[in-house]
Amino acid sequence: IGRGSAKNTINHEMNNLRPEDTATYYCHAQVRRWGRTNLRDVWGQGTQ
């Protein structure tokens, strides 16, 4: 995993993939809005 060239972008490189890697993959972020203390979990819709 690493940061992408664009702001707030991450890349996830997967090598030597196996059939058991078949799954739905979800991006996740834990964020805090400016001026607030609570954390929020944000999920992507998933990619196959």
ModelCIF file with pLDDT and N, C-alpha, C, O atoms, coordinates in Angstrom:
data_MODEL
#
_entry.id   MODEL 
#
_entity.id                         1 
_entity.type                       polymer 
_entity.pdbx_number_of_molecules   1 
#
_entity_poly.entity_id                      1 
_entity_poly.type                           'polypeptide(L)' 
_entity_poly.nstd_linkage                   no 
_entity_poly.nstd_monomer                   no 
_entity_poly.pdbx_seq_one_letter_code       IGRGSAKNTINHEMNNLRPEDTATYYCHAQVRRWGRTNLRDVWGQGTQ 
_entity_poly.pdbx_seq_one_letter_code_can   IGRGSAKNTINHEMNNLRPEDTATYYCHAQVRRWGRTNLRDVWGQGTQ 
_entity_poly.pdbx_strand_id                 A 
#
loop_
_entity_poly_seq.entity_id 
_entity_poly_seq.num 
_entity_poly_seq.mon_id 
_entity_poly_seq.hetero 
1 1  ILE n 
1 2  GLY n 
1 3  ARG n 
1 4  GLY n 
1 5  SER n 
1 6  ALA n 
1 7  LYS n 
1 8  ASN n 
1 9  THR n 
1 10 ILE n 
1 11 ASN n 
1 12 HIS n 
1 13 GLU n 
1 14 MET n 
1 15 ASN n 
1 16 ASN n 
1 17 LEU n 
1 18 ARG n 
1 19 PRO n 
1 20 GLU n 
1 21 ASP n 
1 22 THR n 
1 23 ALA n 
1 24 THR n 
1 25 TYR n 
1 26 TYR n 
1 27 CYS n 
1 28 HIS n 
1 29 ALA n 
1 30 GLN n 
1 31 VAL n 
1 32 ARG n 
1 33 ARG n 
1 34 TRP n 
1 35 GLY n 
1 36 ARG n 
1 37 THR n 
1 38 ASN n 
1 39 LEU n 
1 40 ARG n 
1 41 ASP n 
1 42 VAL n 
1 43 TRP n 
1 44 GLY n 
1 45 GLN n 
1 46 GLY n 
1 47 THR n 
1 48 GLN n 
#
_struct_asym.id          A 
_struct_asym.entity_id   1 
#
loop_
_ma_qa_metric.id 
_ma_qa_metric.mode 
_ma_qa_metric.name 
_ma_qa_metric.software_group_id 
_ma_qa_metric.type 
1 global pLDDT . pLDDT 
2 local  pLDDT . pLDDT 
#
_ma_qa_metric_global.metric_id      1 
_ma_qa_metric_global.metric_value   93.83 
_ma_qa_metric_global.model_id       1 
_ma_qa_metric_global.ordinal_id     1 
#
loop_
_ma_qa_metric_local.label_asym_id 
_ma_qa_metric_local.label_comp_id 
_ma_qa_metric_local.label_seq_id 
_ma_qa_metric_local.metric_id 
_ma_qa_metric_local.metric_value 
_ma_qa_metric_local.model_id 
_ma_qa_metric_local.ordinal_id 
A ILE 1  2 92.00 1 1  
A GLY 2  2 92.00 1 2  
A ARG 3  2 90.00 1 3  
A GLY 4  2 88.00 1 4  
A SER 5  2 85.00 1 5  
A ALA 6  2 83.00 1 6  
A LYS 7  2 79.00 1 7  
A ASN 8  2 88.00 1 8  
A THR 9  2 93.00 1 9  
A ILE 10 2 95.00 1 10 
A ASN 11 2 95.00 1 11 
A HIS 12 2 95.00 1 12 
A GLU 13 2 96.00 1 13 
A MET 14 2 96.00 1 14 
A ASN 15 2 96.00 1 15 
A ASN 16 2 96.00 1 16 
A LEU 17 2 96.00 1 17 
A ARG 18 2 95.00 1 18 
A PRO 19 2 97.00 1 19 
A GLU 20 2 94.00 1 20 
A ASP 21 2 95.00 1 21 
A THR 22 2 97.00 1 22 
A ALA 23 2 97.00 1 23 
A THR 24 2 98.00 1 24 
A TYR 25 2 97.00 1 25 
A TYR 26 2 98.00 1 26 
A CYS 27 2 98.00 1 27 
A HIS 28 2 97.00 1 28 
A ALA 29 2 96.00 1 29 
A GLN 30 2 96.00 1 30 
A VAL 31 2 95.00 1 31 
A ARG 32 2 93.00 1 32 
A ARG 33 2 91.00 1 33 
A TRP 34 2 90.00 1 34 
A GLY 35 2 91.00 1 35 
A ARG 36 2 90.00 1 36 
A THR 37 2 90.00 1 37 
A ASN 38 2 92.00 1 38 
A LEU 39 2 93.00 1 39 
A ARG 40 2 94.00 1 40 
A ASP 41 2 96.00 1 41 
A VAL 42 2 97.00 1 42 
A TRP 43 2 97.00 1 43 
A GLY 44 2 97.00 1 44 
A GLN 45 2 97.00 1 45 
A GLY 46 2 97.00 1 46 
A THR 47 2 97.00 1 47 
A GLN 48 2 97.00 1 48 
#
loop_
_atom_site.group_PDB 
_atom_site.id 
_atom_site.type_symbol 
_atom_site.label_atom_id 
_atom_site.label_alt_id 
_atom_site.label_comp_id 
_atom_site.label_asym_id 
_atom_site.label_entity_id 
_atom_site.label_seq_id 
_atom_site.pdbx_PDB_ins_code 
_atom_site.Cartn_x 
_atom_site.Cartn_y 
_atom_site.Cartn_z 
_atom_site.occupancy 
_atom_site.B_iso_or_equiv 
_atom_site.pdbx_formal_charge 
_atom_site.auth_seq_id 
_atom_site.auth_comp_id 
_atom_site.auth_asym_id 
_atom_site.auth_atom_id 
_atom_site.pdbx_PDB_model_num 
ATOM 1   N N  . ILE A 1 1  ? 0.841   -1.181  0.000  1.00 92.00 ? 1  ILE A N  1 
ATOM 2   C CA . ILE A 1 1  ? 0.000   0.000   0.000  1.00 92.00 ? 1  ILE A CA 1 
ATOM 3   C C  . ILE A 1 1  ? 0.881   1.238   0.000  1.00 92.00 ? 1  ILE A C  1 
ATOM 4   O O  . ILE A 1 1  ? 1.946   1.255   0.617  1.00 92.00 ? 1  ILE A O  1 
ATOM 5   N N  . GLY A 1 2  ? 0.430   2.268   -0.694 1.00 92.00 ? 2  GLY A N  1 
ATOM 6   C CA . GLY A 1 2  ? 1.184   3.508   -0.753 1.00 92.00 ? 2  GLY A CA 1 
ATOM 7   C C  . GLY A 1 2  ? 0.296   4.665   -1.152 1.00 92.00 ? 2  GLY A C  1 
ATOM 8   O O  . GLY A 1 2  ? -0.826  4.475   -1.621 1.00 92.00 ? 2  GLY A O  1 
ATOM 9   N N  . ARG A 1 3  ? 0.810   5.861   -0.962 1.00 90.00 ? 3  ARG A N  1 
ATOM 10  C CA . ARG A 1 3  ? 0.071   7.069   -1.338 1.00 90.00 ? 3  ARG A CA 1 
ATOM 11  C C  . ARG A 1 3  ? 0.116   7.272   -2.845 1.00 90.00 ? 3  ARG A C  1 
ATOM 12  O O  . ARG A 1 3  ? 1.141   7.041   -3.486 1.00 90.00 ? 3  ARG A O  1 
ATOM 13  N N  . GLY A 1 4  ? -0.999  7.704   -3.395 1.00 88.00 ? 4  GLY A N  1 
ATOM 14  C CA . GLY A 1 4  ? -1.054  8.037   -4.802 1.00 88.00 ? 4  GLY A CA 1 
ATOM 15  C C  . GLY A 1 4  ? -0.541  9.434   -5.064 1.00 88.00 ? 4  GLY A C  1 
ATOM 16  O O  . GLY A 1 4  ? -0.233  10.190  -4.143 1.00 88.00 ? 4  GLY A O  1 
ATOM 17  N N  . SER A 1 5  ? -0.456  9.765   -6.355 1.00 85.00 ? 5  SER A N  1 
ATOM 18  C CA . SER A 1 5  ? 0.041   11.086  -6.725 1.00 85.00 ? 5  SER A CA 1 
ATOM 19  C C  . SER A 1 5  ? -0.952  12.189  -6.388 1.00 85.00 ? 5  SER A C  1 
ATOM 20  O O  . SER A 1 5  ? -0.548  13.316  -6.102 1.00 85.00 ? 5  SER A O  1 
ATOM 21  N N  . ALA A 1 6  ? -2.232  11.885  -6.418 1.00 83.00 ? 6  ALA A N  1 
ATOM 22  C CA . ALA A 1 6  ? -3.256  12.861  -6.067 1.00 83.00 ? 6  ALA A CA 1 
ATOM 23  C C  . ALA A 1 6  ? -3.463  12.894  -4.561 1.00 83.00 ? 6  ALA A C  1 
ATOM 24  O O  . ALA A 1 6  ? -3.236  11.902  -3.869 1.00 83.00 ? 6  ALA A O  1 
ATOM 25  N N  . LYS A 1 7  ? -3.889  14.030  -4.070 1.00 79.00 ? 7  LYS A N  1 
ATOM 26  C CA . LYS A 1 7  ? -4.132  14.181  -2.645 1.00 79.00 ? 7  LYS A CA 1 
ATOM 27  C C  . LYS A 1 7  ? -5.244  13.247  -2.190 1.00 79.00 ? 7  LYS A C  1 
ATOM 28  O O  . LYS A 1 7  ? -6.248  13.062  -2.878 1.00 79.00 ? 7  LYS A O  1 
ATOM 29  N N  . ASN A 1 8  ? -5.040  12.663  -1.013 1.00 88.00 ? 8  ASN A N  1 
ATOM 30  C CA . ASN A 1 8  ? -6.017  11.756  -0.414 1.00 88.00 ? 8  ASN A CA 1 
ATOM 31  C C  . ASN A 1 8  ? -6.348  10.581  -1.329 1.00 88.00 ? 8  ASN A C  1 
ATOM 32  O O  . ASN A 1 8  ? -7.508  10.195  -1.473 1.00 88.00 ? 8  ASN A O  1 
ATOM 33  N N  . THR A 1 9  ? -5.319  10.030  -1.935 1.00 93.00 ? 9  THR A N  1 
ATOM 34  C CA . THR A 1 9  ? -5.441  8.867   -2.798 1.00 93.00 ? 9  THR A CA 1 
ATOM 35  C C  . THR A 1 9  ? -4.445  7.812   -2.352 1.00 93.00 ? 9  THR A C  1 
ATOM 36  O O  . THR A 1 9  ? -3.297  8.131   -2.044 1.00 93.00 ? 9  THR A O  1 
ATOM 37  N N  . ILE A 1 10 ? -4.872  6.566   -2.316 1.00 95.00 ? 10 ILE A N  1 
ATOM 38  C CA . ILE A 1 10 ? -3.980  5.469   -1.986 1.00 95.00 ? 10 ILE A CA 1 
ATOM 39  C C  . ILE A 1 10 ? -4.053  4.415   -3.082 1.00 95.00 ? 10 ILE A C  1 
ATOM 40  O O  . ILE A 1 10 ? -5.082  4.239   -3.733 1.00 95.00 ? 10 ILE A O  1 
ATOM 41  N N  . ASN A 1 11 ? -2.944  3.726   -3.267 1.00 95.00 ? 11 ASN A N  1 
ATOM 42  C CA . ASN A 1 11 ? -2.858  2.610   -4.194 1.00 95.00 ? 11 ASN A CA 1 
ATOM 43  C C  . ASN A 1 11 ? -2.552  1.338   -3.420 1.00 95.00 ? 11 ASN A C  1 
ATOM 44  O O  . ASN A 1 11 ? -1.853  1.366   -2.407 1.00 95.00 ? 11 ASN A O  1 
ATOM 45  N N  . HIS A 1 12 ? -3.074  0.239   -3.901 1.00 95.00 ? 12 HIS A N  1 
ATOM 46  C CA . HIS A 1 12 ? -2.851  -1.058  -3.279 1.00 95.00 ? 12 HIS A CA 1 
ATOM 47  C C  . HIS A 1 12 ? -2.436  -2.036  -4.368 1.00 95.00 ? 12 HIS A C  1 
ATOM 48  O O  . HIS A 1 12 ? -3.264  -2.476  -5.166 1.00 95.00 ? 12 HIS A O  1 
ATOM 49  N N  . GLU A 1 13 ? -1.157  -2.372  -4.397 1.00 96.00 ? 13 GLU A N  1 
ATOM 50  C CA . GLU A 1 13 ? -0.620  -3.288  -5.388 1.00 96.00 ? 13 GLU A CA 1 
ATOM 51  C C  . GLU A 1 13 ? -0.707  -4.713  -4.868 1.00 96.00 ? 13 GLU A C  1 
ATOM 52  O O  . GLU A 1 13 ? -0.300  -5.003  -3.743 1.00 96.00 ? 13 GLU A O  1 
ATOM 53  N N  . MET A 1 14 ? -1.236  -5.589  -5.691 1.00 96.00 ? 14 MET A N  1 
ATOM 54  C CA . MET A 1 14 ? -1.392  -6.992  -5.337 1.00 96.00 ? 14 MET A CA 1 
ATOM 55  C C  . MET A 1 14 ? -0.678  -7.833  -6.380 1.00 96.00 ? 14 MET A C  1 
ATOM 56  O O  . MET A 1 14 ? -0.978  -7.754  -7.572 1.00 96.00 ? 14 MET A O  1 
ATOM 57  N N  . ASN A 1 15 ? 0.262   -8.634  -5.923 1.00 96.00 ? 15 ASN A N  1 
ATOM 58  C CA . ASN A 1 15 ? 1.092   -9.446  -6.806 1.00 96.00 ? 15 ASN A CA 1 
ATOM 59  C C  . ASN A 1 15 ? 0.920   -10.925 -6.505 1.00 96.00 ? 15 ASN A C  1 
ATOM 60  O O  . ASN A 1 15 ? 0.482   -11.314 -5.423 1.00 96.00 ? 15 ASN A O  1 
ATOM 61  N N  . ASN A 1 16 ? 1.277   -11.737 -7.490 1.00 96.00 ? 16 ASN A N  1 
ATOM 62  C CA . ASN A 1 16 ? 1.192   -13.196 -7.354 1.00 96.00 ? 16 ASN A CA 1 
ATOM 63  C C  . ASN A 1 16 ? -0.173  -13.611 -6.819 1.00 96.00 ? 16 ASN A C  1 
ATOM 64  O O  . ASN A 1 16 ? -0.273  -14.344 -5.835 1.00 96.00 ? 16 ASN A O  1 
ATOM 65  N N  . LEU A 1 17 ? -1.204  -13.138 -7.473 1.00 96.00 ? 17 LEU A N  1 
ATOM 66  C CA . LEU A 1 17 ? -2.561  -13.385 -7.002 1.00 96.00 ? 17 LEU A CA 1 
ATOM 67  C C  . LEU A 1 17 ? -2.941  -14.855 -7.123 1.00 96.00 ? 17 LEU A C  1 
ATOM 68  O O  . LEU A 1 17 ? -2.487  -15.561 -8.023 1.00 96.00 ? 17 LEU A O  1 
ATOM 69  N N  . ARG A 1 18 ? -3.772  -15.291 -6.208 1.00 95.00 ? 18 ARG A N  1 
ATOM 70  C CA . ARG A 1 18 ? -4.229  -16.672 -6.125 1.00 95.00 ? 18 ARG A CA 1 
ATOM 71  C C  . ARG A 1 18 ? -5.741  -16.721 -6.198 1.00 95.00 ? 18 ARG A C  1 
ATOM 72  O O  . ARG A 1 18 ? -6.405  -15.727 -5.903 1.00 95.00 ? 18 ARG A O  1 
ATOM 73  N N  . PRO A 1 19 ? -6.305  -17.869 -6.589 1.00 97.00 ? 19 PRO A N  1 
ATOM 74  C CA . PRO A 1 19 ? -7.771  -17.966 -6.628 1.00 97.00 ? 19 PRO A CA 1 
ATOM 75  C C  . PRO A 1 19 ? -8.429  -17.609 -5.302 1.00 97.00 ? 19 PRO A C  1 
ATOM 76  O O  . PRO A 1 19 ? -9.528  -17.054 -5.296 1.00 97.00 ? 19 PRO A O  1 
ATOM 77  N N  . GLU A 1 20 ? -7.792  -17.910 -4.193 1.00 94.00 ? 20 GLU A N  1 
ATOM 78  C CA . GLU A 1 20 ? -8.365  -17.584 -2.899 1.00 94.00 ? 20 GLU A CA 1 
ATOM 79  C C  . GLU A 1 20 ? -8.364  -16.093 -2.595 1.00 94.00 ? 20 GLU A C  1 
ATOM 80  O O  . GLU A 1 20 ? -8.950  -15.669 -1.598 1.00 94.00 ? 20 GLU A O  1 
ATOM 81  N N  . ASP A 1 21 ? -7.718  -15.289 -3.435 1.00 95.00 ? 21 ASP A N  1 
ATOM 82  C CA . ASP A 1 21 ? -7.793  -13.842 -3.305 1.00 95.00 ? 21 ASP A CA 1 
ATOM 83  C C  . ASP A 1 21 ? -9.082  -13.283 -3.893 1.00 95.00 ? 21 ASP A C  1 
ATOM 84  O O  . ASP A 1 21 ? -9.364  -12.095 -3.732 1.00 95.00 ? 21 ASP A O  1 
ATOM 85  N N  . THR A 1 22 ? -9.859  -14.100 -4.561 1.00 97.00 ? 22 THR A N  1 
ATOM 86  C CA . THR A 1 22 ? -11.130 -13.664 -5.116 1.00 97.00 ? 22 THR A CA 1 
ATOM 87  C C  . THR A 1 22 ? -12.043 -13.169 -3.999 1.00 97.00 ? 22 THR A C  1 
ATOM 88  O O  . THR A 1 22 ? -12.313 -13.897 -3.044 1.00 97.00 ? 22 THR A O  1 
ATOM 89  N N  . ALA A 1 23 ? -12.514 -11.935 -4.119 1.00 97.00 ? 23 ALA A N  1 
ATOM 90  C CA . ALA A 1 23 ? -13.308 -11.324 -3.064 1.00 97.00 ? 23 ALA A CA 1 
ATOM 91  C C  . ALA A 1 23 ? -13.805 -9.970  -3.537 1.00 97.00 ? 23 ALA A C  1 
ATOM 92  O O  . ALA A 1 23 ? -13.445 -9.494  -4.614 1.00 97.00 ? 23 ALA A O  1 
ATOM 93  N N  . THR A 1 24 ? -14.637 -9.363  -2.708 1.00 98.00 ? 24 THR A N  1 
ATOM 94  C CA . THR A 1 24 ? -14.995 -7.967  -2.879 1.00 98.00 ? 24 THR A CA 1 
ATOM 95  C C  . THR A 1 24 ? -14.047 -7.133  -2.036 1.00 98.00 ? 24 THR A C  1 
ATOM 96  O O  . THR A 1 24 ? -13.887 -7.388  -0.843 1.00 98.00 ? 24 THR A O  1 
ATOM 97  N N  . TYR A 1 25 ? -13.424 -6.152  -2.641 1.00 97.00 ? 25 TYR A N  1 
ATOM 98  C CA . TYR A 1 25 ? -12.428 -5.335  -1.970 1.00 97.00 ? 25 TYR A CA 1 
ATOM 99  C C  . TYR A 1 25 ? -13.023 -3.962  -1.686 1.00 97.00 ? 25 TYR A C  1 
ATOM 100 O O  . TYR A 1 25 ? -13.629 -3.345  -2.561 1.00 97.00 ? 25 TYR A O  1 
ATOM 101 N N  . TYR A 1 26 ? -12.843 -3.488  -0.444 1.00 98.00 ? 26 TYR A N  1 
ATOM 102 C CA . TYR A 1 26 ? -13.440 -2.246  0.016  1.00 98.00 ? 26 TYR A CA 1 
ATOM 103 C C  . TYR A 1 26 ? -12.377 -1.273  0.480  1.00 98.00 ? 26 TYR A C  1 
ATOM 104 O O  . TYR A 1 26 ? -11.484 -1.632  1.247  1.00 98.00 ? 26 TYR A O  1 
ATOM 105 N N  . CYS A 1 27 ? -12.475 -0.052  0.015  1.00 98.00 ? 27 CYS A N  1 
ATOM 106 C CA . CYS A 1 27 ? -11.663 1.023   0.559  1.00 98.00 ? 27 CYS A CA 1 
ATOM 107 C C  . CYS A 1 27 ? -12.319 1.539   1.838  1.00 98.00 ? 27 CYS A C  1 
ATOM 108 O O  . CYS A 1 27 ? -13.543 1.575   1.955  1.00 98.00 ? 27 CYS A O  1 
ATOM 109 N N  . HIS A 1 28 ? -11.484 1.933   2.784  1.00 97.00 ? 28 HIS A N  1 
ATOM 110 C CA . HIS A 1 28 ? -11.973 2.417   4.073  1.00 97.00 ? 28 HIS A CA 1 
ATOM 111 C C  . HIS A 1 28 ? -11.160 3.634   4.503  1.00 97.00 ? 28 HIS A C  1 
ATOM 112 O O  . HIS A 1 28 ? -9.954  3.707   4.270  1.00 97.00 ? 28 HIS A O  1 
ATOM 113 N N  . ALA A 1 29 ? -11.836 4.576   5.127  1.00 96.00 ? 29 ALA A N  1 
ATOM 114 C CA . ALA A 1 29 ? -11.159 5.729   5.686  1.00 96.00 ? 29 ALA A CA 1 
ATOM 115 C C  . ALA A 1 29 ? -11.761 6.056   7.035  1.00 96.00 ? 29 ALA A C  1 
ATOM 116 O O  . ALA A 1 29 ? -12.966 5.920   7.248  1.00 96.00 ? 29 ALA A O  1 
ATOM 117 N N  . GLN A 1 30 ? -10.912 6.485   7.934  1.00 96.00 ? 30 GLN A N  1 
ATOM 118 C CA . GLN A 1 30 ? -11.337 7.000   9.226  1.00 96.00 ? 30 GLN A CA 1 
ATOM 119 C C  . GLN A 1 30 ? -11.023 8.491   9.236  1.00 96.00 ? 30 GLN A C  1 
ATOM 120 O O  . GLN A 1 30 ? -9.863  8.884   9.112  1.00 96.00 ? 30 GLN A O  1 
ATOM 121 N N  . VAL A 1 31 ? -12.048 9.317   9.383  1.00 95.00 ? 31 VAL A N  1 
ATOM 122 C CA . VAL A 1 31 ? -11.888 10.753  9.200  1.00 95.00 ? 31 VAL A CA 1 
ATOM 123 C C  . VAL A 1 31 ? -12.417 11.509  10.406 1.00 95.00 ? 31 VAL A C  1 
ATOM 124 O O  . VAL A 1 31 ? -13.244 11.009  11.168 1.00 95.00 ? 31 VAL A O  1 
ATOM 125 N N  . ARG A 1 32 ? -11.920 12.723  10.556 1.00 93.00 ? 32 ARG A N  1 
ATOM 126 C CA . ARG A 1 32 ? -12.393 13.648  11.568 1.00 93.00 ? 32 ARG A CA 1 
ATOM 127 C C  . ARG A 1 32 ? -12.624 15.000  10.895 1.00 93.00 ? 32 ARG A C  1 
ATOM 128 O O  . ARG A 1 32 ? -11.721 15.536  10.253 1.00 93.00 ? 32 ARG A O  1 
ATOM 129 N N  . ARG A 1 33 ? -13.815 15.545  11.036 1.00 91.00 ? 33 ARG A N  1 
ATOM 130 C CA . ARG A 1 33 ? -14.104 16.838  10.445 1.00 91.00 ? 33 ARG A CA 1 
ATOM 131 C C  . ARG A 1 33 ? -13.433 17.948  11.254 1.00 91.00 ? 33 ARG A C  1 
ATOM 132 O O  . ARG A 1 33 ? -13.363 17.883  12.481 1.00 91.00 ? 33 ARG A O  1 
ATOM 133 N N  . TRP A 1 34 ? -12.946 18.956  10.551 1.00 90.00 ? 34 TRP A N  1 
ATOM 134 C CA . TRP A 1 34 ? -12.293 20.076  11.207 1.00 90.00 ? 34 TRP A CA 1 
ATOM 135 C C  . TRP A 1 34 ? -13.200 20.677  12.277 1.00 90.00 ? 34 TRP A C  1 
ATOM 136 O O  . TRP A 1 34 ? -14.374 20.957  12.034 1.00 90.00 ? 34 TRP A O  1 
ATOM 137 N N  . GLY A 1 35 ? -12.636 20.867  13.459 1.00 91.00 ? 35 GLY A N  1 
ATOM 138 C CA . GLY A 1 35 ? -13.379 21.453  14.560 1.00 91.00 ? 35 GLY A CA 1 
ATOM 139 C C  . GLY A 1 35 ? -14.208 20.477  15.360 1.00 91.00 ? 35 GLY A C  1 
ATOM 140 O O  . GLY A 1 35 ? -14.888 20.879  16.304 1.00 91.00 ? 35 GLY A O  1 
ATOM 141 N N  . ARG A 1 36 ? -14.170 19.213  15.012 1.00 90.00 ? 36 ARG A N  1 
ATOM 142 C CA . ARG A 1 36 ? -14.915 18.195  15.734 1.00 90.00 ? 36 ARG A CA 1 
ATOM 143 C C  . ARG A 1 36 ? -13.970 17.106  16.217 1.00 90.00 ? 36 ARG A C  1 
ATOM 144 O O  . ARG A 1 36 ? -12.899 16.896  15.649 1.00 90.00 ? 36 ARG A O  1 
ATOM 145 N N  . THR A 1 37 ? -14.384 16.417  17.275 1.00 90.00 ? 37 THR A N  1 
ATOM 146 C CA . THR A 1 37 ? -13.512 15.434  17.899 1.00 90.00 ? 37 THR A CA 1 
ATOM 147 C C  . THR A 1 37 ? -13.846 13.999  17.521 1.00 90.00 ? 37 THR A C  1 
ATOM 148 O O  . THR A 1 37 ? -12.991 13.121  17.642 1.00 90.00 ? 37 THR A O  1 
ATOM 149 N N  . ASN A 1 38 ? -15.051 13.741  17.072 1.00 92.00 ? 38 ASN A N  1 
ATOM 150 C CA . ASN A 1 38 ? -15.454 12.371  16.810 1.00 92.00 ? 38 ASN A CA 1 
ATOM 151 C C  . ASN A 1 38 ? -14.914 11.875  15.480 1.00 92.00 ? 38 ASN A C  1 
ATOM 152 O O  . ASN A 1 38 ? -14.812 12.629  14.513 1.00 92.00 ? 38 ASN A O  1 
ATOM 153 N N  . LEU A 1 39 ? -14.570 10.595  15.448 1.00 93.00 ? 39 LEU A N  1 
ATOM 154 C CA . LEU A 1 39 ? -14.113 9.937   14.235 1.00 93.00 ? 39 LEU A CA 1 
ATOM 155 C C  . LEU A 1 39 ? -15.286 9.281   13.518 1.00 93.00 ? 39 LEU A C  1 
ATOM 156 O O  . LEU A 1 39 ? -16.230 8.800   14.146 1.00 93.00 ? 39 LEU A O  1 
ATOM 157 N N  . ARG A 1 40 ? -15.207 9.272   12.203 1.00 94.00 ? 40 ARG A N  1 
ATOM 158 C CA . ARG A 1 40 ? -16.216 8.617   11.386 1.00 94.00 ? 40 ARG A CA 1 
ATOM 159 C C  . ARG A 1 40 ? -15.563 7.601   10.462 1.00 94.00 ? 40 ARG A C  1 
ATOM 160 O O  . ARG A 1 40 ? -14.489 7.843   9.910  1.00 94.00 ? 40 ARG A O  1 
ATOM 161 N N  . ASP A 1 41 ? -16.218 6.473   10.304 1.00 96.00 ? 41 ASP A N  1 
ATOM 162 C CA . ASP A 1 41 ? -15.777 5.444   9.368  1.00 96.00 ? 41 ASP A CA 1 
ATOM 163 C C  . ASP A 1 41 ? -16.520 5.610   8.052  1.00 96.00 ? 41 ASP A C  1 
ATOM 164 O O  . ASP A 1 41 ? -17.747 5.709   8.027  1.00 96.00 ? 41 ASP A O  1 
ATOM 165 N N  . VAL A 1 42 ? -15.775 5.639   6.969  1.00 97.00 ? 42 VAL A N  1 
ATOM 166 C CA . VAL A 1 42 ? -16.326 5.783   5.634  1.00 97.00 ? 42 VAL A CA 1 
ATOM 167 C C  . VAL A 1 42 ? -15.885 4.588   4.800  1.00 97.00 ? 42 VAL A C  1 
ATOM 168 O O  . VAL A 1 42 ? -14.710 4.218   4.810  1.00 97.00 ? 42 VAL A O  1 
ATOM 169 N N  . TRP A 1 43 ? -16.821 3.988   4.084  1.00 97.00 ? 43 TRP A N  1 
ATOM 170 C CA . TRP A 1 43 ? -16.550 2.820   3.261  1.00 97.00 ? 43 TRP A CA 1 
ATOM 171 C C  . TRP A 1 43 ? -16.892 3.091   1.801  1.00 97.00 ? 43 TRP A C  1 
ATOM 172 O O  . TRP A 1 43 ? -17.864 3.779   1.491  1.00 97.00 ? 43 TRP A O  1 
ATOM 173 N N  . GLY A 1 44 ? -16.078 2.540   0.918  1.00 97.00 ? 44 GLY A N  1 
ATOM 174 C CA . GLY A 1 44 ? -16.432 2.523   -0.485 1.00 97.00 ? 44 GLY A CA 1 
ATOM 175 C C  . GLY A 1 44 ? -17.488 1.477   -0.767 1.00 97.00 ? 44 GLY A C  1 
ATOM 176 O O  . GLY A 1 44 ? -17.841 0.683   0.105  1.00 97.00 ? 44 GLY A O  1 
ATOM 177 N N  . GLN A 1 45 ? -17.988 1.481   -1.989 1.00 97.00 ? 45 GLN A N  1 
ATOM 178 C CA . GLN A 1 45 ? -19.043 0.543   -2.358 1.00 97.00 ? 45 GLN A CA 1 
ATOM 179 C C  . GLN A 1 45 ? -18.521 -0.857  -2.658 1.00 97.00 ? 45 GLN A C  1 
ATOM 180 O O  . GLN A 1 45 ? -19.304 -1.805  -2.721 1.00 97.00 ? 45 GLN A O  1 
ATOM 181 N N  . GLY A 1 46 ? -17.228 -1.000  -2.840 1.00 97.00 ? 46 GLY A N  1 
ATOM 182 C CA . GLY A 1 46 ? -16.628 -2.291  -3.109 1.00 97.00 ? 46 GLY A CA 1 
ATOM 183 C C  . GLY A 1 46 ? -16.340 -2.492  -4.582 1.00 97.00 ? 46 GLY A C  1 
ATOM 184 O O  . GLY A 1 46 ? -17.111 -2.059  -5.438 1.00 97.00 ? 46 GLY A O  1 
ATOM 185 N N  . THR A 1 47 ? -15.236 -3.146  -4.874 1.00 97.00 ? 47 THR A N  1 
ATOM 186 C CA . THR A 1 47 ? -14.865 -3.496  -6.236 1.00 97.00 ? 47 THR A CA 1 
ATOM 187 C C  . THR A 1 47 ? -14.502 -4.976  -6.276 1.00 97.00 ? 47 THR A C  1 
ATOM 188 O O  . THR A 1 47 ? -13.867 -5.496  -5.359 1.00 97.00 ? 47 THR A O  1 
ATOM 189 N N  . GLN A 1 48 ? -14.909 -5.642  -7.342 1.00 97.00 ? 48 GLN A N  1 
ATOM 190 C CA . GLN A 1 48 ? -14.736 -7.083  -7.441 1.00 97.00 ? 48 GLN A CA 1 
ATOM 191 C C  . GLN A 1 48 ? -13.364 -7.440  -7.994 1.00 97.00 ? 48 GLN A C  1 
ATOM 192 O O  . GLN A 1 48 ? -13.047 -8.620  -8.144 1.00 97.00 ? 48 GLN A O  1 
#
